[in-house]
Protein backbone atom coordinates (compact mmCIF):
# COMPACT_ATOMS: atom_id res chain seq x y z
CA MET A 1 65.27 39.61 39.05
CA ASP A 2 68.85 41.30 37.60
CA ARG A 3 68.64 39.56 34.32
CA LEU A 4 66.80 38.71 31.46
CA LYS A 5 67.43 35.80 29.19
CA ILE A 6 66.28 36.65 25.36
CA ALA A 7 66.72 33.85 22.36
CA THR A 8 66.35 34.47 18.77
CA LEU A 9 66.24 31.77 15.68
CA ASN A 10 64.91 31.26 12.41
CA ILE A 11 62.96 28.46 12.34
CA TRP A 12 63.38 28.08 8.36
CA ASN A 13 59.26 27.35 7.91
CA ARG A 14 58.50 23.94 7.29
CA LEU A 15 61.17 23.22 5.27
CA GLY A 16 63.02 20.11 6.12
CA PRO A 17 61.88 17.38 8.67
CA TRP A 18 59.64 19.53 10.60
CA GLU A 19 58.00 17.30 13.07
CA GLU A 20 61.65 16.28 14.03
CA ARG A 21 63.25 19.86 13.97
CA LEU A 22 60.43 20.88 16.18
CA VAL A 23 61.73 18.29 18.84
CA ALA A 24 65.27 19.96 18.38
CA ILE A 25 63.84 23.50 18.63
CA ARG A 26 62.16 22.70 22.14
CA ASN A 27 64.85 20.28 23.44
CA GLU A 28 67.00 23.97 23.31
CA ILE A 29 64.21 25.96 25.01
CA ALA A 30 63.66 23.46 27.69
CA ARG A 31 67.13 23.77 28.22
CA GLU A 32 67.59 27.35 28.23
CA MET A 33 64.68 28.47 29.28
CA PRO A 34 64.67 31.85 27.51
CA ASP A 35 62.65 34.77 29.17
CA VAL A 36 61.18 36.05 25.81
CA ILE A 37 62.22 34.63 22.47
CA GLY A 38 62.17 36.10 19.28
CA LEU A 39 61.15 33.86 16.08
CA GLN A 40 61.49 34.23 12.83
CA GLU A 41 59.86 32.32 9.22
CA VAL A 42 57.01 31.16 11.03
CA LEU A 43 54.04 29.70 9.23
CA VAL A 44 50.39 30.01 10.74
CA LEU A 45 47.86 28.53 8.87
CA PRO A 46 44.53 28.85 10.41
CA GLU A 47 42.22 27.22 7.85
CA HIS A 48 44.76 23.97 8.41
CA ARG A 49 45.15 24.33 12.66
CA PHE A 50 48.87 25.00 11.86
CA ASP A 51 50.75 27.35 14.06
CA GLN A 52 54.37 26.96 14.25
CA ALA A 53 54.74 29.58 17.13
CA ARG A 54 52.12 27.70 19.59
CA ALA A 55 53.54 24.23 18.63
CA ILE A 56 56.99 25.48 19.80
CA ALA A 57 55.57 27.42 22.83
CA ASP A 58 53.35 24.55 24.10
CA GLY A 59 53.66 23.58 27.54
CA PHE A 60 56.18 26.23 28.20
CA GLY A 61 53.77 28.71 29.68
CA TYR A 62 54.91 31.48 27.29
CA HIS A 63 52.22 33.99 25.74
CA VAL A 64 52.71 34.35 22.22
CA ALA A 65 52.36 36.89 19.84
CA PHE A 66 52.60 36.61 15.86
CA GLY A 67 52.89 39.28 13.15
CA ARG A 68 53.23 39.43 9.66
CA SER A 69 53.68 41.83 6.78
CA PRO A 70 49.85 43.75 6.47
CA ASP A 71 50.05 44.04 2.66
CA ALA A 72 50.98 40.40 2.55
CA THR A 73 47.61 38.72 2.47
CA PRO A 74 47.25 35.73 1.76
CA PHE A 75 51.05 35.33 2.81
CA THR A 76 51.18 33.42 5.83
CA MET A 77 54.74 33.40 7.25
CA GLY A 78 55.86 36.14 9.57
CA ASN A 79 57.66 36.49 13.14
CA ALA A 80 56.72 35.53 16.48
CA VAL A 81 57.47 36.43 20.18
CA LEU A 82 57.36 33.80 23.03
CA SER A 83 57.50 35.72 26.50
CA LYS A 84 57.49 34.48 29.97
CA TRP A 85 54.90 37.11 30.91
CA PRO A 86 51.82 38.51 29.49
CA ILE A 87 51.64 40.52 26.41
CA ALA A 88 49.82 43.81 26.50
CA ARG A 89 49.72 44.81 23.03
CA THR A 90 51.28 43.64 19.71
CA PHE A 91 51.15 44.74 15.96
CA ALA A 92 53.11 44.22 12.99
CA PHE A 93 55.09 46.79 10.62
CA GLY A 94 55.95 46.12 7.07
CA LEU A 95 59.01 46.87 6.02
CA PRO A 96 59.89 48.57 2.52
CA GLY A 97 61.50 46.10 -0.27
CA THR A 98 60.66 43.82 -2.68
CA ASP A 99 57.90 40.88 -2.74
CA GLU A 100 59.72 38.76 0.40
CA HIS A 101 56.89 40.60 2.49
CA ARG A 102 59.42 41.32 5.60
CA CYS A 103 58.04 43.01 8.61
CA LEU A 104 58.76 43.79 12.18
CA THR A 105 56.64 42.04 14.72
CA PHE A 106 56.27 44.16 17.87
CA ALA A 107 55.14 42.94 21.09
CA GLU A 108 54.92 44.88 24.37
CA ILE A 109 55.74 42.42 27.29
CA ASP A 110 54.49 43.35 30.67
CA SER A 111 57.50 42.56 32.98
CA PRO A 112 58.01 42.57 36.67
CA ILE A 113 60.76 45.33 35.61
CA GLY A 114 57.85 47.47 33.50
CA ASN A 115 57.05 47.14 29.99
CA ILE A 116 59.70 46.12 27.56
CA PRO A 117 59.36 46.94 23.81
CA PHE A 118 60.62 43.98 21.94
CA PHE A 119 60.89 43.25 18.26
CA SER A 120 61.44 40.21 16.06
CA THR A 121 62.19 40.78 12.13
CA HIS A 122 63.91 39.27 9.00
CA LEU A 123 65.56 41.32 6.37
CA ASN A 124 65.60 40.68 2.65
CA TRP A 125 68.05 38.00 2.01
CA LYS A 126 69.44 38.40 -1.10
CA PHE A 127 73.60 38.93 -0.96
CA ASP A 128 72.70 42.09 -3.69
CA GLU A 129 70.04 43.62 -1.88
CA SER A 130 72.15 45.58 0.81
CA HIS A 131 70.19 48.35 -0.48
CA VAL A 132 66.91 47.12 0.67
CA ARG A 133 68.48 46.21 4.03
CA GLN A 134 69.46 49.73 4.26
CA LEU A 135 66.25 50.82 3.89
CA GLN A 136 64.67 48.39 6.07
CA ALA A 137 67.45 49.07 8.68
CA GLN A 138 66.29 52.86 8.69
CA CYS A 139 62.59 51.78 9.26
CA ILE A 140 63.15 49.71 11.86
CA ALA A 141 65.25 52.21 14.00
CA ARG A 142 62.39 54.60 13.18
CA PHE A 143 59.72 52.21 14.39
CA VAL A 144 61.74 51.48 17.54
CA ASP A 145 62.05 54.66 18.07
CA ALA A 146 58.54 55.34 18.05
CA GLN A 147 57.43 53.01 20.84
CA ARG A 148 60.40 53.88 23.31
CA ALA A 149 59.36 55.61 26.46
CA ALA A 150 61.40 58.11 27.83
CA ASP A 151 62.06 56.22 31.17
CA GLY A 152 61.06 52.98 29.73
CA TYR A 153 63.32 49.79 29.44
CA PRO A 154 65.48 50.19 26.40
CA PRO A 155 63.94 48.14 23.33
CA ILE A 156 65.08 44.67 22.33
CA VAL A 157 65.14 44.16 18.80
CA VAL A 158 65.99 40.26 17.45
CA GLY A 159 66.08 38.57 14.17
CA ASP A 160 67.74 37.86 11.40
CA PHE A 161 69.27 40.60 9.28
CA ASN A 162 70.75 38.32 6.44
CA ALA A 163 73.65 40.92 6.73
CA GLU A 164 77.29 40.42 8.55
CA PRO A 165 78.88 42.87 10.93
CA ASP A 166 80.70 45.11 8.43
CA SER A 167 77.93 45.60 6.14
CA ASP A 168 76.80 49.13 5.81
CA GLU A 169 73.14 48.13 7.30
CA ILE A 170 74.74 46.97 10.40
CA ARG A 171 77.24 49.57 10.72
CA PHE A 172 74.16 51.65 10.95
CA LEU A 173 72.68 50.04 13.70
CA ARG A 174 75.98 49.80 15.38
CA GLY A 175 75.88 53.65 15.57
CA LEU A 176 79.09 53.50 13.04
CA GLY A 177 77.76 55.36 9.95
CA THR A 178 74.63 56.96 8.88
CA LEU A 179 72.13 56.52 6.32
CA GLY A 180 69.90 58.65 4.47
CA GLY A 181 71.08 61.77 7.07
CA PHE A 182 69.90 59.61 9.90
CA ALA A 183 72.08 58.06 12.98
CA THR A 184 71.17 55.48 15.62
CA HIS A 185 72.90 53.47 18.16
CA PHE A 186 72.26 49.66 19.32
CA HIS A 187 73.99 47.33 21.33
CA ASP A 188 75.12 44.46 19.58
CA VAL A 189 74.73 41.94 22.19
CA PHE A 190 77.01 39.36 20.57
CA GLY A 191 79.19 41.56 19.59
CA HIS A 192 80.20 42.79 22.62
CA VAL A 193 80.09 39.99 24.74
CA GLY A 194 80.01 37.11 22.59
CA ARG A 195 82.97 34.51 22.31
CA GLY A 196 84.53 33.77 18.85
CA PRO A 197 82.71 34.51 15.53
CA GLY A 198 79.41 33.80 16.28
CA VAL A 199 78.76 31.89 12.94
CA THR A 200 74.75 31.68 12.87
CA PHE A 201 74.53 30.44 9.11
CA SER A 202 77.54 27.57 8.88
CA THR A 203 78.34 24.77 6.84
CA LYS A 204 78.59 22.50 10.08
CA ASN A 205 74.79 22.51 9.68
CA ALA A 206 73.61 20.23 7.12
CA TYR A 207 70.42 22.04 6.06
CA ALA A 208 72.77 24.88 5.80
CA ALA A 209 75.17 23.17 3.84
CA LEU A 210 73.73 22.60 0.89
CA LEU A 211 73.35 26.25 -0.41
CA ARG A 212 77.22 25.91 -0.27
CA GLU A 213 77.33 29.42 1.09
CA PRO A 214 80.38 30.83 3.20
CA ASP A 215 79.91 30.89 7.04
CA ARG A 216 78.95 34.05 8.37
CA ARG A 217 76.98 35.53 11.51
CA ILE A 218 74.07 37.28 10.35
CA ASP A 219 71.36 36.92 13.36
CA TYR A 220 71.03 39.41 16.04
CA ILE A 221 70.20 40.43 19.20
CA TRP A 222 70.07 44.14 19.54
CA VAL A 223 69.53 46.84 22.63
CA ARG A 224 68.72 50.20 21.66
CA GLY A 225 71.61 52.19 23.79
CA GLY A 226 71.71 55.01 26.25
CA ASP A 227 70.07 54.03 29.16
CA GLU A 228 71.69 55.91 32.39
CA ARG A 229 70.65 52.95 34.63
CA PHE A 230 72.37 50.64 32.53
CA ARG A 231 69.60 48.52 31.66
CA GLY A 232 69.94 46.24 28.84
CA GLU A 233 73.33 46.40 29.24
CA PRO A 234 74.81 43.01 27.20
CA LEU A 235 76.20 40.58 30.20
CA ALA A 236 76.74 37.31 27.89
CA ALA A 237 76.05 35.90 24.50
CA ARG A 238 76.73 32.64 22.69
CA VAL A 239 75.30 30.52 20.03
CA ALA A 240 72.28 28.35 20.30
CA PHE A 241 70.10 25.88 18.78
CA ASP A 242 73.16 24.43 16.97
CA GLU A 243 73.25 20.81 17.69
CA PRO A 244 71.29 18.24 16.13
CA VAL A 245 68.86 16.03 17.96
CA ASN A 246 68.71 12.04 16.39
CA GLY A 247 70.17 13.88 13.26
CA ALA A 248 67.99 16.74 12.76
CA PHE A 249 69.53 20.22 13.62
CA PRO A 250 66.82 22.81 15.06
CA SER A 251 66.86 25.00 11.55
CA ASP A 252 68.91 26.04 8.81
CA HIS A 253 69.98 28.29 10.94
CA PHE A 254 71.98 28.70 14.30
CA GLY A 255 70.17 31.00 16.71
CA LEU A 256 71.57 33.17 19.80
CA VAL A 257 71.08 33.20 23.49
CA ALA A 258 71.74 36.48 25.44
CA GLU A 259 71.77 37.62 29.18
CA ILE A 260 71.47 41.61 29.84
CA ARG A 261 70.95 43.87 32.83
CA ALA A 262 67.61 44.16 33.70
């Protein structure tokens, strides 16, 4: 095993034609068969036996972790991780901000190359809330470092960051600036090896077009930088989940698939 295949998708909770969208999501997973997938805007309603993460994972053999903000009760939307390998432990960190109840879902994946710290997250969405996303990005960087083993596989963070590559919050994660006197560095996998603009919120998507917002890249796959053995090195990345099936797009977002060195 010389590489890992990672995917991320904001699944747009249950909006739009969910049953048709589920088919489109699962078709893309069947085509790509990622080793690990991060999902955002996932609804889990135990009282109604409704679990979007498990509906997506059904039949593929994935192990599933789901987390939502600990302060969000009875809020039922969060982030999920689907893993080809067992999940040794999982929990969710609440992120600071407004009442959007954002969180960072952590899954420690027991893989053939050792334990992989994997995180799925979703930051505040409003255009004028960069200041909130900056706080959230700082928290993510600190949480990731707290779970990072000295000789372990570099942490992987995926999700909908609702911020473009030149924003302060994304520049901070890329190691191009500091926030609150704190610095970090993550590899932006698509930014390193992807082709084209990498737009993930696009007016080419019928569901996104309804909002009449500008096309932009706001979904990311990150690898915490600095591994001496080049583990986690970005090898390939592309936009995915971007084609309709019988007229239904998988989500209002496009997703990403990337390959990184194992």
